[in-house]
Amino acid sequence: MPLLHIETDSLRETARWSMLMAEEIDWQVQRMENTHQFLQSSWQGDGRFQFESEMNNRLYTLQRLSRELSTLALRLQREASQWEEIGCQF
C-alpha cells in the first residue's frame, strides 16, 4: 500500500487565506451594493434597467462564489483535523 503524506499546516494556511478572501469578497460586494443603491436613486437614463440587471447578476455571482470559497475553506480545515486525528493513532 502506498504511503500518503500531507502537510496539515499548509492545509490550514490555505483554509485561512481562502476564508480571508471570502470575507474580502463579501466586503467588496457590500460596497458595490451601496454604490448600486445610490445609482438607483439618482440615475434617470435609458441604460439604467440594463445596468441594474447586469449588476444584480454580478452581485449574485460574487455572493455565491464567496459562499463556495467559505465552504471549501471549512472542508480544508476538517480535512486537516482528520489527518491529524489519524496521525495521532500511530
N, C-alpha and C. Protein backbone atom coordinates (compact mmCIF):
# COMPACT_ATOMS: atom_id res chain seq x y z
N MET A 1 0.84 -1.17 0.00
CA MET A 1 0.00 0.00 0.00
C MET A 1 0.90 1.25 0.00
N PRO A 2 0.55 2.26 -0.81
CA PRO A 2 1.38 3.46 -0.88
C PRO A 2 1.29 4.28 0.42
N LEU A 3 2.36 4.95 0.73
CA LEU A 3 2.42 5.83 1.88
C LEU A 3 1.86 7.20 1.48
N LEU A 4 0.94 7.71 2.26
CA LEU A 4 0.34 9.02 2.00
C LEU A 4 0.90 10.04 2.99
N HIS A 5 1.10 11.24 2.50
CA HIS A 5 1.65 12.31 3.33
C HIS A 5 0.94 13.62 2.97
N ILE A 6 0.64 14.39 3.99
CA ILE A 6 0.04 15.71 3.73
C ILE A 6 0.54 16.68 4.80
N GLU A 7 0.79 17.88 4.40
CA GLU A 7 1.21 18.93 5.33
C GLU A 7 -0.04 19.62 5.87
N THR A 8 -0.45 19.25 7.07
CA THR A 8 -1.68 19.82 7.63
C THR A 8 -1.56 21.32 7.88
N ASP A 9 -0.34 21.77 8.18
CA ASP A 9 -0.15 23.22 8.36
C ASP A 9 -0.43 23.97 7.06
N SER A 10 -0.04 23.39 5.94
CA SER A 10 -0.31 24.01 4.64
C SER A 10 -1.80 24.02 4.35
N LEU A 11 -2.47 22.92 4.71
CA LEU A 11 -3.93 22.89 4.53
C LEU A 11 -4.60 23.99 5.33
N ARG A 12 -4.20 24.11 6.59
CA ARG A 12 -4.81 25.13 7.45
C ARG A 12 -4.50 26.54 6.96
N GLU A 13 -3.29 26.77 6.48
CA GLU A 13 -2.93 28.09 5.95
C GLU A 13 -3.74 28.41 4.70
N THR A 14 -3.91 27.43 3.84
CA THR A 14 -4.73 27.63 2.64
C THR A 14 -6.18 27.91 3.02
N ALA A 15 -6.67 27.18 4.03
CA ALA A 15 -8.04 27.41 4.51
C ALA A 15 -8.18 28.81 5.07
N ARG A 16 -7.19 29.25 5.83
CA ARG A 16 -7.23 30.59 6.42
C ARG A 16 -7.26 31.66 5.34
N TRP A 17 -6.40 31.53 4.34
CA TRP A 17 -6.36 32.51 3.25
C TRP A 17 -7.65 32.48 2.44
N SER A 18 -8.19 31.30 2.24
CA SER A 18 -9.45 31.19 1.50
C SER A 18 -10.58 31.89 2.24
N MET A 19 -10.62 31.72 3.55
CA MET A 19 -11.66 32.38 4.35
C MET A 19 -11.48 33.90 4.31
N LEU A 20 -10.23 34.36 4.38
CA LEU A 20 -9.98 35.80 4.29
C LEU A 20 -10.41 36.36 2.93
N MET A 21 -10.16 35.61 1.88
CA MET A 21 -10.58 36.05 0.54
C MET A 21 -12.10 36.10 0.44
N ALA A 22 -12.78 35.12 1.02
CA ALA A 22 -14.24 35.12 1.01
C ALA A 22 -14.77 36.34 1.75
N GLU A 23 -14.16 36.68 2.88
CA GLU A 23 -14.57 37.86 3.64
C GLU A 23 -14.32 39.14 2.84
N GLU A 24 -13.21 39.19 2.13
CA GLU A 24 -12.90 40.36 1.29
C GLU A 24 -13.93 40.49 0.17
N ILE A 25 -14.30 39.39 -0.44
CA ILE A 25 -15.33 39.42 -1.49
C ILE A 25 -16.64 39.94 -0.90
N ASP A 26 -17.02 39.45 0.28
CA ASP A 26 -18.25 39.92 0.92
C ASP A 26 -18.21 41.42 1.17
N TRP A 27 -17.06 41.90 1.64
CA TRP A 27 -16.93 43.33 1.92
C TRP A 27 -17.05 44.15 0.63
N GLN A 28 -16.41 43.68 -0.43
CA GLN A 28 -16.48 44.39 -1.70
C GLN A 28 -17.90 44.36 -2.28
N VAL A 29 -18.58 43.23 -2.13
CA VAL A 29 -19.97 43.14 -2.59
C VAL A 29 -20.83 44.16 -1.85
N GLN A 30 -20.61 44.29 -0.54
CA GLN A 30 -21.37 45.27 0.24
C GLN A 30 -21.12 46.69 -0.29
N ARG A 31 -19.88 47.00 -0.59
CA ARG A 31 -19.57 48.32 -1.15
C ARG A 31 -20.26 48.52 -2.50
N MET A 32 -20.24 47.48 -3.33
CA MET A 32 -20.89 47.57 -4.64
C MET A 32 -22.40 47.74 -4.49
N GLU A 33 -23.00 47.04 -3.52
CA GLU A 33 -24.43 47.19 -3.29
C GLU A 33 -24.78 48.60 -2.85
N ASN A 34 -23.96 49.17 -1.99
CA ASN A 34 -24.19 50.56 -1.55
C ASN A 34 -24.11 51.53 -2.72
N THR A 35 -23.12 51.35 -3.57
CA THR A 35 -22.98 52.19 -4.76
C THR A 35 -24.16 51.98 -5.69
N HIS A 36 -24.57 50.74 -5.85
CA HIS A 36 -25.70 50.41 -6.70
C HIS A 36 -26.98 51.09 -6.20
N GLN A 37 -27.20 51.07 -4.89
CA GLN A 37 -28.38 51.73 -4.33
C GLN A 37 -28.35 53.23 -4.58
N PHE A 38 -27.18 53.83 -4.44
CA PHE A 38 -27.04 55.25 -4.71
C PHE A 38 -27.37 55.56 -6.17
N LEU A 39 -26.86 54.73 -7.09
CA LEU A 39 -27.12 54.94 -8.51
C LEU A 39 -28.61 54.78 -8.83
N GLN A 40 -29.26 53.82 -8.20
CA GLN A 40 -30.69 53.61 -8.46
C GLN A 40 -31.51 54.85 -8.16
N SER A 41 -31.13 55.55 -7.11
CA SER A 41 -31.91 56.73 -6.72
C SER A 41 -31.57 57.96 -7.56
N SER A 42 -30.43 57.96 -8.23
CA SER A 42 -30.03 59.17 -8.94
C SER A 42 -29.94 59.01 -10.46
N TRP A 43 -30.01 57.82 -10.99
CA TRP A 43 -29.85 57.58 -12.43
C TRP A 43 -31.21 57.63 -13.11
N GLN A 44 -31.31 58.44 -14.14
CA GLN A 44 -32.57 58.59 -14.89
C GLN A 44 -32.42 58.25 -16.37
N GLY A 45 -31.36 57.54 -16.76
CA GLY A 45 -31.10 57.27 -18.17
C GLY A 45 -31.73 55.99 -18.67
N ASP A 46 -31.65 55.81 -20.01
CA ASP A 46 -32.24 54.63 -20.64
C ASP A 46 -31.52 53.34 -20.26
N GLY A 47 -30.24 53.41 -20.03
CA GLY A 47 -29.48 52.20 -19.73
C GLY A 47 -29.56 51.75 -18.28
N ARG A 48 -30.34 52.47 -17.50
CA ARG A 48 -30.42 52.18 -16.06
C ARG A 48 -30.88 50.75 -15.79
N PHE A 49 -31.94 50.30 -16.44
CA PHE A 49 -32.50 48.99 -16.13
C PHE A 49 -31.59 47.86 -16.60
N GLN A 50 -30.93 48.04 -17.72
CA GLN A 50 -29.97 47.03 -18.17
C GLN A 50 -28.79 46.96 -17.20
N PHE A 51 -28.30 48.12 -16.78
CA PHE A 51 -27.21 48.15 -15.82
C PHE A 51 -27.61 47.47 -14.51
N GLU A 52 -28.81 47.78 -14.01
CA GLU A 52 -29.29 47.18 -12.77
C GLU A 52 -29.37 45.66 -12.88
N SER A 53 -29.85 45.19 -13.99
CA SER A 53 -29.95 43.75 -14.21
C SER A 53 -28.58 43.09 -14.22
N GLU A 54 -27.66 43.69 -14.95
CA GLU A 54 -26.30 43.14 -15.01
C GLU A 54 -25.62 43.22 -13.65
N MET A 55 -25.80 44.32 -12.94
CA MET A 55 -25.19 44.47 -11.62
C MET A 55 -25.75 43.43 -10.65
N ASN A 56 -27.05 43.23 -10.67
CA ASN A 56 -27.66 42.23 -9.79
C ASN A 56 -27.12 40.84 -10.08
N ASN A 57 -26.95 40.52 -11.37
CA ASN A 57 -26.39 39.22 -11.74
C ASN A 57 -24.96 39.07 -11.22
N ARG A 58 -24.16 40.12 -11.37
CA ARG A 58 -22.76 40.06 -10.92
C ARG A 58 -22.68 39.94 -9.40
N LEU A 59 -23.52 40.70 -8.70
CA LEU A 59 -23.52 40.63 -7.24
C LEU A 59 -23.92 39.24 -6.76
N TYR A 60 -24.94 38.67 -7.39
CA TYR A 60 -25.37 37.32 -7.03
C TYR A 60 -24.23 36.32 -7.25
N THR A 61 -23.54 36.42 -8.38
CA THR A 61 -22.43 35.52 -8.69
C THR A 61 -21.31 35.66 -7.67
N LEU A 62 -20.96 36.88 -7.31
CA LEU A 62 -19.91 37.10 -6.33
C LEU A 62 -20.30 36.55 -4.96
N GLN A 63 -21.55 36.73 -4.56
CA GLN A 63 -22.01 36.20 -3.28
C GLN A 63 -21.95 34.67 -3.28
N ARG A 64 -22.34 34.06 -4.38
CA ARG A 64 -22.30 32.60 -4.50
C ARG A 64 -20.87 32.11 -4.42
N LEU A 65 -19.96 32.77 -5.13
CA LEU A 65 -18.55 32.37 -5.10
C LEU A 65 -17.95 32.53 -3.71
N SER A 66 -18.33 33.56 -3.01
CA SER A 66 -17.85 33.76 -1.65
C SER A 66 -18.32 32.63 -0.74
N ARG A 67 -19.58 32.25 -0.86
CA ARG A 67 -20.10 31.13 -0.05
C ARG A 67 -19.37 29.84 -0.38
N GLU A 68 -19.13 29.61 -1.66
CA GLU A 68 -18.41 28.39 -2.07
C GLU A 68 -16.98 28.39 -1.54
N LEU A 69 -16.33 29.52 -1.58
CA LEU A 69 -14.96 29.62 -1.06
C LEU A 69 -14.94 29.37 0.45
N SER A 70 -15.91 29.91 1.16
CA SER A 70 -16.01 29.66 2.60
C SER A 70 -16.22 28.17 2.89
N THR A 71 -17.08 27.55 2.11
CA THR A 71 -17.35 26.12 2.27
C THR A 71 -16.08 25.31 2.03
N LEU A 72 -15.35 25.66 0.98
CA LEU A 72 -14.09 24.95 0.70
C LEU A 72 -13.08 25.15 1.82
N ALA A 73 -13.03 26.34 2.39
CA ALA A 73 -12.11 26.60 3.50
C ALA A 73 -12.45 25.73 4.70
N LEU A 74 -13.72 25.61 4.99
CA LEU A 74 -14.15 24.75 6.11
C LEU A 74 -13.82 23.29 5.84
N ARG A 75 -14.00 22.85 4.61
CA ARG A 75 -13.66 21.48 4.25
C ARG A 75 -12.16 21.23 4.41
N LEU A 76 -11.34 22.19 4.04
CA LEU A 76 -9.89 22.05 4.22
C LEU A 76 -9.54 21.94 5.70
N GLN A 77 -10.18 22.75 6.53
CA GLN A 77 -9.92 22.68 7.97
C GLN A 77 -10.31 21.32 8.54
N ARG A 78 -11.46 20.81 8.13
CA ARG A 78 -11.90 19.48 8.59
C ARG A 78 -10.93 18.40 8.11
N GLU A 79 -10.49 18.52 6.87
CA GLU A 79 -9.56 17.53 6.32
C GLU A 79 -8.26 17.52 7.12
N ALA A 80 -7.75 18.69 7.46
CA ALA A 80 -6.52 18.77 8.26
C ALA A 80 -6.74 18.12 9.62
N SER A 81 -7.87 18.39 10.24
CA SER A 81 -8.17 17.78 11.54
C SER A 81 -8.25 16.27 11.45
N GLN A 82 -8.88 15.77 10.41
CA GLN A 82 -8.99 14.32 10.24
C GLN A 82 -7.61 13.69 10.06
N TRP A 83 -6.75 14.30 9.27
CA TRP A 83 -5.40 13.77 9.08
C TRP A 83 -4.64 13.77 10.40
N GLU A 84 -4.80 14.83 11.18
CA GLU A 84 -4.10 14.90 12.46
C GLU A 84 -4.62 13.84 13.43
N GLU A 85 -5.93 13.63 13.44
CA GLU A 85 -6.50 12.59 14.30
C GLU A 85 -5.97 11.22 13.94
N ILE A 86 -5.92 10.93 12.65
CA ILE A 86 -5.41 9.64 12.19
C ILE A 86 -3.93 9.51 12.52
N GLY A 87 -3.18 10.60 12.35
CA GLY A 87 -1.75 10.59 12.64
C GLY A 87 -1.46 10.32 14.12
N CYS A 88 -2.35 10.74 15.00
CA CYS A 88 -2.16 10.51 16.44
C CYS A 88 -2.36 9.05 16.82
N GLN A 89 -2.99 8.29 15.97
CA GLN A 89 -3.26 6.88 16.26
C GLN A 89 -2.01 6.03 16.08
N PHE A 90 -1.00 6.57 15.41
CA PHE A 90 0.21 5.78 15.13
C PHE A 90 1.36 6.17 16.01
